[in-house]
Amino acid sequence: MDEARFIDLDGVEKVFEVRRKAGFLRRERHEVRAVDGLSFGVARGEMVGYIGPNGAGKSTTIKMLTGILVPSGGRLRVAGIDPAKERTRLARRIGVVFGQRTTLWWDLPLRDSYALVRRMYRIPDARYRENLDRCVELLDLAPLLEVPVRQLSLGQRMRGDIAAALLHDPDVLYLDEPTIGLDVVSKAKVRGFLRDLNAERGTTVLLTTHDLTDIEQLCERVMVIDHGRLMYDGGLDGLHAVGESERTLVVDLERELPPIDGIPGTRTVKVDGPRQWLAFPAASSAAPVVAAVAAEYPLVDLSVREPAIEDVIATMYADRSAV
């Protein structure tokens, strides 16, 4: 197996047939091409962001990578395994967290759900205890182990699902919105946990998210998919450059002042009393902008807002369609 392509897609397609009403009693068949000639490779131990608008084909791709869906065409391998033909064998090599769909048992306490996962994967006792203790500590799950899953908040359940997906030491981890519903502190814990997991165990991670901060802090590479096609594959800075996206510095001043002017690389986009909004290129560092504003203006508070992934992609596509 080529380690440079631990996950390997070559011209993969997925076509669904749907029936649409075409008259009072008549329906016509239509093809929906959810994934259209998708090709990419992910190396062992790589953490890759896989992003795009809703309906772009992300979930369909992940479902084919896990063997839940069978491709309509092309070639697909994960760790040298054809997911569609050897789904059971592949299941021992992968972990999956599907956003707001839990893999835990709804009416059972978290601890009992983990015990069932151990039996399903036939995890040796020592290995199970080691992995569970590590996940419980790093994801702050100790107070939740005796709580039925149905009583957990979305953020608590997400942490519980991440732990369940890792108990059997998978080689590949597919994550769909792993920080959804988490507060700032919990998000930082989950990101740190995933970063350590990748560094210490070499776990390959494919991450889908709408939170650009997840991508920035975890992934050196990002792939953008839309209408089932790969539109971009490279670094996040390159994506910002292609999409010409901007960050926003929100500045709270001690008093109402004229629009902030003269800060290199910025433009004031909005003023509301003592609060002002400054835009600057997303690929640039915020540090010099913050330092310049703090040195010249009476500051009370400030914050940096990241561009929405949808806005970055929309700008990128608008530029391409205009060519």
Protein backbone atom coordinates (compact mmCIF):
# COMPACT_ATOMS: atom_id res chain seq x y z
CA MET A 1 0.00 0.00 0.00
CA ASP A 2 1.24 3.50 -0.87
CA GLU A 3 1.55 5.35 2.46
CA ALA A 4 1.36 8.62 0.54
CA ARG A 5 -2.26 7.75 -0.28
CA PHE A 6 -3.56 6.06 2.88
CA ILE A 7 -6.97 7.31 1.78
CA ASP A 8 -7.21 7.10 -1.99
CA LEU A 9 -10.03 8.27 -4.28
CA ASP A 10 -9.73 8.12 -8.05
CA GLY A 11 -12.62 9.43 -10.16
CA VAL A 12 -15.20 8.49 -7.53
CA GLU A 13 -18.85 9.16 -8.37
CA LYS A 14 -22.13 8.74 -6.52
CA VAL A 15 -25.37 9.12 -8.41
CA PHE A 16 -28.79 8.93 -6.76
CA GLU A 17 -32.00 8.36 -8.71
CA VAL A 18 -34.94 10.45 -7.54
CA ARG A 19 -38.52 10.66 -8.75
CA ARG A 20 -40.08 14.06 -9.26
CA LYS A 21 -43.71 14.88 -9.89
CA ALA A 22 -44.25 15.70 -13.58
CA GLY A 23 -48.02 15.75 -13.70
CA PHE A 24 -51.16 14.77 -11.80
CA LEU A 25 -50.32 11.04 -11.79
CA ARG A 26 -46.95 10.98 -13.47
CA ARG A 27 -43.45 11.03 -12.01
CA GLU A 28 -40.17 11.29 -13.87
CA ARG A 29 -36.84 9.81 -12.91
CA HIS A 30 -33.93 12.19 -12.45
CA GLU A 31 -30.31 11.60 -11.58
CA VAL A 32 -28.67 13.59 -8.81
CA ARG A 33 -24.88 13.50 -8.99
CA ALA A 34 -23.86 13.99 -5.35
CA VAL A 35 -20.17 13.21 -6.00
CA ASP A 36 -18.79 13.85 -9.46
CA GLY A 37 -15.37 12.45 -10.45
CA LEU A 38 -13.70 13.07 -7.08
CA SER A 39 -9.96 12.31 -6.84
CA PHE A 40 -7.61 12.96 -3.92
CA GLY A 41 -5.19 11.21 -1.59
CA VAL A 42 -4.55 11.59 2.14
CA ALA A 43 -1.28 10.37 3.65
CA ARG A 44 -1.08 8.31 6.84
CA GLY A 45 -1.02 10.63 9.85
CA GLU A 46 -2.28 13.68 7.96
CA MET A 47 -4.99 15.97 9.36
CA VAL A 48 -7.08 17.41 6.53
CA GLY A 49 -10.00 19.82 6.60
CA TYR A 50 -12.77 18.80 4.20
CA ILE A 51 -15.18 21.70 3.78
CA GLY A 52 -17.92 23.05 1.57
CA PRO A 53 -21.50 24.38 1.61
CA ASN A 54 -24.40 22.23 2.78
CA GLY A 55 -25.27 19.71 0.08
CA ALA A 56 -21.80 19.89 -1.48
CA GLY A 57 -21.18 16.14 -1.17
CA LYS A 58 -19.12 16.00 2.05
CA SER A 59 -21.35 13.56 3.94
CA THR A 60 -21.79 11.40 0.85
CA THR A 61 -18.00 11.16 0.53
CA ILE A 62 -17.60 10.17 4.20
CA LYS A 63 -20.34 7.55 3.88
CA MET A 64 -18.54 6.01 0.90
CA LEU A 65 -15.26 6.07 2.83
CA THR A 66 -16.91 4.11 5.65
CA GLY A 67 -18.71 1.64 3.37
CA ILE A 68 -22.21 2.88 4.21
CA LEU A 69 -22.69 3.89 0.57
CA VAL A 70 -21.33 2.15 -2.52
CA PRO A 71 -19.77 4.39 -5.21
CA SER A 72 -21.49 4.51 -8.59
CA GLY A 73 -18.10 4.69 -10.29
CA GLY A 74 -14.39 5.18 -9.76
CA ARG A 75 -11.96 3.60 -7.31
CA LEU A 76 -11.82 4.09 -3.54
CA ARG A 77 -9.47 2.59 -0.92
CA VAL A 78 -8.90 3.25 2.80
CA ALA A 79 -5.78 1.61 4.27
CA GLY A 80 -5.73 -0.60 1.18
CA ILE A 81 -9.29 -1.79 1.83
CA ASP A 82 -12.28 -1.41 -0.48
CA PRO A 83 -14.94 -0.09 1.96
CA ALA A 84 -17.87 -1.37 -0.07
CA LYS A 85 -16.52 -4.94 -0.23
CA GLU A 86 -14.92 -5.26 3.22
CA ARG A 87 -16.94 -3.01 5.47
CA THR A 88 -16.57 -5.19 8.58
CA ARG A 89 -12.80 -5.42 8.20
CA LEU A 90 -12.57 -1.68 7.62
CA ALA A 91 -14.71 -0.91 10.69
CA ARG A 92 -11.85 -2.04 12.93
CA ARG A 93 -9.54 0.52 11.30
CA ILE A 94 -11.78 3.61 11.41
CA GLY A 95 -13.60 5.82 13.91
CA VAL A 96 -16.55 8.03 12.96
CA VAL A 97 -18.32 10.95 14.62
CA PHE A 98 -21.29 12.08 12.53
CA GLY A 99 -22.21 15.54 13.79
CA GLN A 100 -25.60 15.46 15.47
CA ARG A 101 -26.12 11.69 15.04
CA THR A 102 -24.86 9.84 18.05
CA THR A 103 -23.34 6.35 18.01
CA LEU A 104 -24.05 5.99 21.72
CA TRP A 105 -27.02 4.16 23.27
CA TRP A 106 -29.68 6.75 24.04
CA ASP A 107 -31.04 5.35 27.33
CA LEU A 108 -27.81 3.95 28.75
CA PRO A 109 -25.28 5.77 30.92
CA LEU A 110 -22.15 6.80 29.06
CA ARG A 111 -20.08 4.16 30.87
CA ASP A 112 -22.39 1.35 29.68
CA SER A 113 -22.24 2.60 26.10
CA TYR A 114 -18.45 2.37 26.27
CA ALA A 115 -18.66 -1.16 27.67
CA LEU A 116 -20.78 -2.17 24.68
CA VAL A 117 -18.27 -0.58 22.29
CA ARG A 118 -15.54 -2.67 23.97
CA ARG A 119 -17.52 -5.86 23.35
CA MET A 120 -18.34 -4.94 19.75
CA TYR A 121 -14.70 -4.36 18.85
CA ARG A 122 -13.37 -7.06 21.20
CA ILE A 123 -10.93 -4.59 22.73
CA PRO A 124 -8.50 -6.21 25.21
CA ASP A 125 -9.22 -5.15 28.80
CA ALA A 126 -5.89 -3.40 29.42
CA ARG A 127 -6.07 -1.49 26.16
CA TYR A 128 -9.70 -0.53 26.80
CA ARG A 129 -8.98 0.79 30.31
CA GLU A 130 -5.96 2.76 29.08
CA ASN A 131 -7.85 4.38 26.20
CA LEU A 132 -10.95 5.08 28.29
CA ASP A 133 -8.97 6.65 31.14
CA ARG A 134 -7.10 8.86 28.69
CA CYS A 135 -10.29 10.03 26.93
CA VAL A 136 -12.11 10.62 30.23
CA GLU A 137 -9.27 12.77 31.55
CA LEU A 138 -8.57 14.82 28.44
CA LEU A 139 -12.22 15.29 27.42
CA ASP A 140 -13.41 15.93 31.01
CA LEU A 141 -15.93 13.07 30.96
CA ALA A 142 -15.64 11.84 34.57
CA PRO A 143 -18.79 13.67 35.82
CA LEU A 144 -20.79 12.30 32.86
CA LEU A 145 -20.03 8.57 32.98
CA GLU A 146 -23.16 7.65 34.97
CA VAL A 147 -25.46 10.01 33.05
CA PRO A 148 -27.83 8.54 30.39
CA VAL A 149 -26.91 9.79 26.92
CA ARG A 150 -30.37 11.33 26.42
CA GLN A 151 -29.68 13.70 29.35
CA LEU A 152 -26.40 15.03 27.94
CA SER A 153 -26.17 18.40 26.26
CA LEU A 154 -25.07 18.48 22.62
CA GLY A 155 -21.56 19.52 23.60
CA GLN A 156 -21.27 16.81 26.27
CA ARG A 157 -22.56 14.19 23.88
CA MET A 158 -20.09 15.26 21.20
CA ARG A 159 -17.22 14.70 23.63
CA GLY A 160 -18.73 11.34 24.53
CA ASP A 161 -19.00 10.36 20.86
CA ILE A 162 -15.38 11.33 20.18
CA ALA A 163 -14.23 9.08 23.04
CA ALA A 164 -16.37 6.17 21.78
CA ALA A 165 -14.86 6.50 18.30
CA LEU A 166 -11.32 6.20 19.70
CA LEU A 167 -11.60 3.31 22.17
CA HIS A 168 -10.43 0.74 19.59
CA ASP A 169 -7.42 2.79 18.41
CA PRO A 170 -8.57 3.48 14.83
CA ASP A 171 -6.03 4.35 12.13
CA VAL A 172 -8.45 6.83 10.56
CA LEU A 173 -10.87 9.21 12.26
CA TYR A 174 -13.70 10.92 10.37
CA LEU A 175 -15.07 13.94 12.25
CA ASP A 176 -18.18 15.92 11.30
CA GLU A 177 -18.46 19.20 13.26
CA PRO A 178 -16.57 17.92 16.36
CA THR A 179 -16.81 21.24 18.24
CA ILE A 180 -20.49 21.97 17.56
CA GLY A 181 -22.35 23.02 20.69
CA LEU A 182 -19.16 23.46 22.74
CA ASP A 183 -18.20 26.53 24.75
CA VAL A 184 -14.84 28.21 24.21
CA VAL A 185 -13.05 26.22 26.93
CA SER A 186 -14.45 22.88 25.74
CA LYS A 187 -13.56 23.67 22.13
CA ALA A 188 -9.97 24.31 23.17
CA LYS A 189 -9.89 20.98 25.05
CA VAL A 190 -11.22 19.01 22.08
CA ARG A 191 -8.82 20.68 19.66
CA GLY A 192 -5.90 20.02 21.97
CA PHE A 193 -6.98 16.41 22.38
CA LEU A 194 -7.18 15.87 18.62
CA ARG A 195 -3.82 17.57 18.07
CA ASP A 196 -2.16 15.32 20.67
CA LEU A 197 -3.88 12.23 19.28
CA ASN A 198 -2.52 12.94 15.82
CA ALA A 199 0.97 13.74 17.08
CA GLU A 200 1.32 10.83 19.50
CA ARG A 201 -0.48 8.04 17.64
CA GLY A 202 -0.28 9.19 14.03
CA THR A 203 -4.06 8.94 13.60
CA THR A 204 -5.19 10.12 10.17
CA VAL A 205 -8.00 12.68 10.53
CA LEU A 206 -10.50 13.92 7.95
CA LEU A 207 -12.38 16.87 9.48
CA THR A 208 -15.55 18.49 8.16
CA THR A 209 -16.57 21.72 9.88
CA HIS A 210 -18.09 25.15 9.42
CA ASP A 211 -15.72 26.60 12.02
CA LEU A 212 -12.62 28.00 10.31
CA THR A 213 -10.84 28.12 13.68
CA ASP A 214 -11.01 24.31 13.83
CA ILE A 215 -9.23 24.16 10.49
CA GLU A 216 -6.67 26.84 11.38
CA GLN A 217 -5.68 25.18 14.65
CA LEU A 218 -5.68 21.56 13.49
CA CYS A 219 -5.04 21.28 9.74
CA GLU A 220 -2.23 22.37 7.45
CA ARG A 221 -4.24 21.28 4.42
CA VAL A 222 -7.82 22.00 3.41
CA MET A 223 -9.95 20.63 0.58
CA VAL A 224 -13.05 22.43 -0.67
CA ILE A 225 -15.83 20.48 -2.36
CA ASP A 226 -18.92 21.85 -4.09
CA HIS A 227 -21.49 20.10 -6.27
CA GLY A 228 -19.51 16.90 -5.77
CA ARG A 229 -16.30 18.28 -7.27
CA LEU A 230 -13.00 19.21 -5.66
CA MET A 231 -12.62 22.96 -6.07
CA TYR A 232 -9.51 23.61 -3.98
CA ASP A 233 -6.76 21.53 -2.34
CA GLY A 234 -3.97 23.30 -0.45
CA GLY A 235 -3.15 25.47 2.55
CA LEU A 236 -5.68 27.68 4.33
CA ASP A 237 -3.70 30.80 3.45
CA GLY A 238 -4.03 29.86 -0.21
CA LEU A 239 -7.78 29.45 0.19
CA HIS A 240 -8.07 32.90 1.73
CA ALA A 241 -5.97 34.32 -1.09
CA VAL A 242 -8.11 32.67 -3.78
CA GLY A 243 -11.35 33.73 -2.07
CA GLU A 244 -9.99 37.19 -1.20
CA SER A 245 -11.59 36.76 2.23
CA GLU A 246 -11.26 39.19 5.12
CA ARG A 247 -11.13 39.03 8.89
CA THR A 248 -12.88 41.68 10.93
CA LEU A 249 -11.36 43.47 13.91
CA VAL A 250 -14.15 44.72 16.20
CA VAL A 251 -12.84 47.68 18.22
CA ASP A 252 -14.55 49.19 21.27
CA LEU A 253 -13.17 52.68 21.97
CA GLU A 254 -13.48 54.76 25.14
CA ARG A 255 -15.60 57.30 23.26
CA GLU A 256 -17.14 57.92 19.87
CA LEU A 257 -14.50 58.95 17.32
CA PRO A 258 -14.28 59.44 13.54
CA PRO A 259 -13.63 56.25 11.53
CA ILE A 260 -10.23 54.73 12.25
CA ASP A 261 -7.87 55.62 9.45
CA GLY A 262 -4.24 55.12 8.54
CA ILE A 263 -3.81 51.53 9.76
CA PRO A 264 -1.92 49.77 6.92
CA GLY A 265 -3.84 46.97 5.21
CA THR A 266 -7.20 47.80 6.82
CA ARG A 267 -10.40 49.59 5.93
CA THR A 268 -13.19 50.69 8.27
CA VAL A 269 -16.41 49.01 7.17
CA LYS A 270 -18.79 50.09 9.93
CA VAL A 271 -19.05 52.58 12.80
CA ASP A 272 -21.67 52.42 15.56
CA GLY A 273 -20.93 54.91 18.35
CA PRO A 274 -17.68 53.94 20.07
CA ARG A 275 -17.61 50.56 18.28
CA GLN A 276 -15.89 50.23 14.90
CA TRP A 277 -15.33 47.34 12.49
CA LEU A 278 -12.07 47.11 10.52
CA ALA A 279 -11.58 44.61 7.69
CA PHE A 280 -8.16 43.21 6.76
CA PRO A 281 -6.99 40.27 4.57
CA ALA A 282 -7.63 36.91 6.26
CA ALA A 283 -4.25 35.60 5.15
CA SER A 284 -2.54 38.39 7.15
CA SER A 285 -1.66 38.29 10.84
CA ALA A 286 -3.95 40.21 13.17
CA ALA A 287 -1.07 41.09 15.54
CA PRO A 288 0.30 44.19 13.72
CA VAL A 289 -3.22 45.54 13.17
CA VAL A 290 -4.09 45.12 16.85
CA ALA A 291 -0.79 46.70 17.90
CA ALA A 292 -1.28 49.69 15.61
CA VAL A 293 -4.84 50.34 16.81
CA ALA A 294 -3.83 49.97 20.47
CA ALA A 295 -0.95 52.40 20.02
CA GLU A 296 -3.02 55.15 18.40
CA TYR A 297 -6.54 54.90 19.86
CA PRO A 298 -8.08 54.75 23.38
CA LEU A 299 -9.12 51.09 23.55
CA VAL A 300 -11.62 49.41 25.86
CA ASP A 301 -11.85 46.03 24.15
CA LEU A 302 -11.38 44.31 20.80
CA SER A 303 -12.00 40.95 19.14
CA VAL A 304 -11.19 39.28 15.81
CA ARG A 305 -13.96 37.65 13.79
CA GLU A 306 -13.07 35.00 11.24
CA PRO A 307 -14.68 34.92 7.78
CA ALA A 308 -17.43 32.35 7.36
CA ILE A 309 -16.44 29.39 5.21
CA GLU A 310 -19.55 29.94 3.10
CA ASP A 311 -18.45 33.52 2.37
CA VAL A 312 -14.94 32.42 1.37
CA ILE A 313 -16.30 29.78 -0.99
CA ALA A 314 -19.00 32.04 -2.42
CA THR A 315 -16.40 34.69 -3.29
CA MET A 316 -14.13 32.08 -4.84
CA TYR A 317 -16.94 30.71 -7.03
CA ALA A 318 -18.14 34.19 -8.01
CA ASP A 319 -14.63 35.05 -9.22
CA ARG A 320 -14.44 31.82 -11.23
CA SER A 321 -17.83 32.27 -12.88
CA ALA A 322 -16.88 35.79 -13.91
CA VAL A 323 -13.84 34.51 -15.80
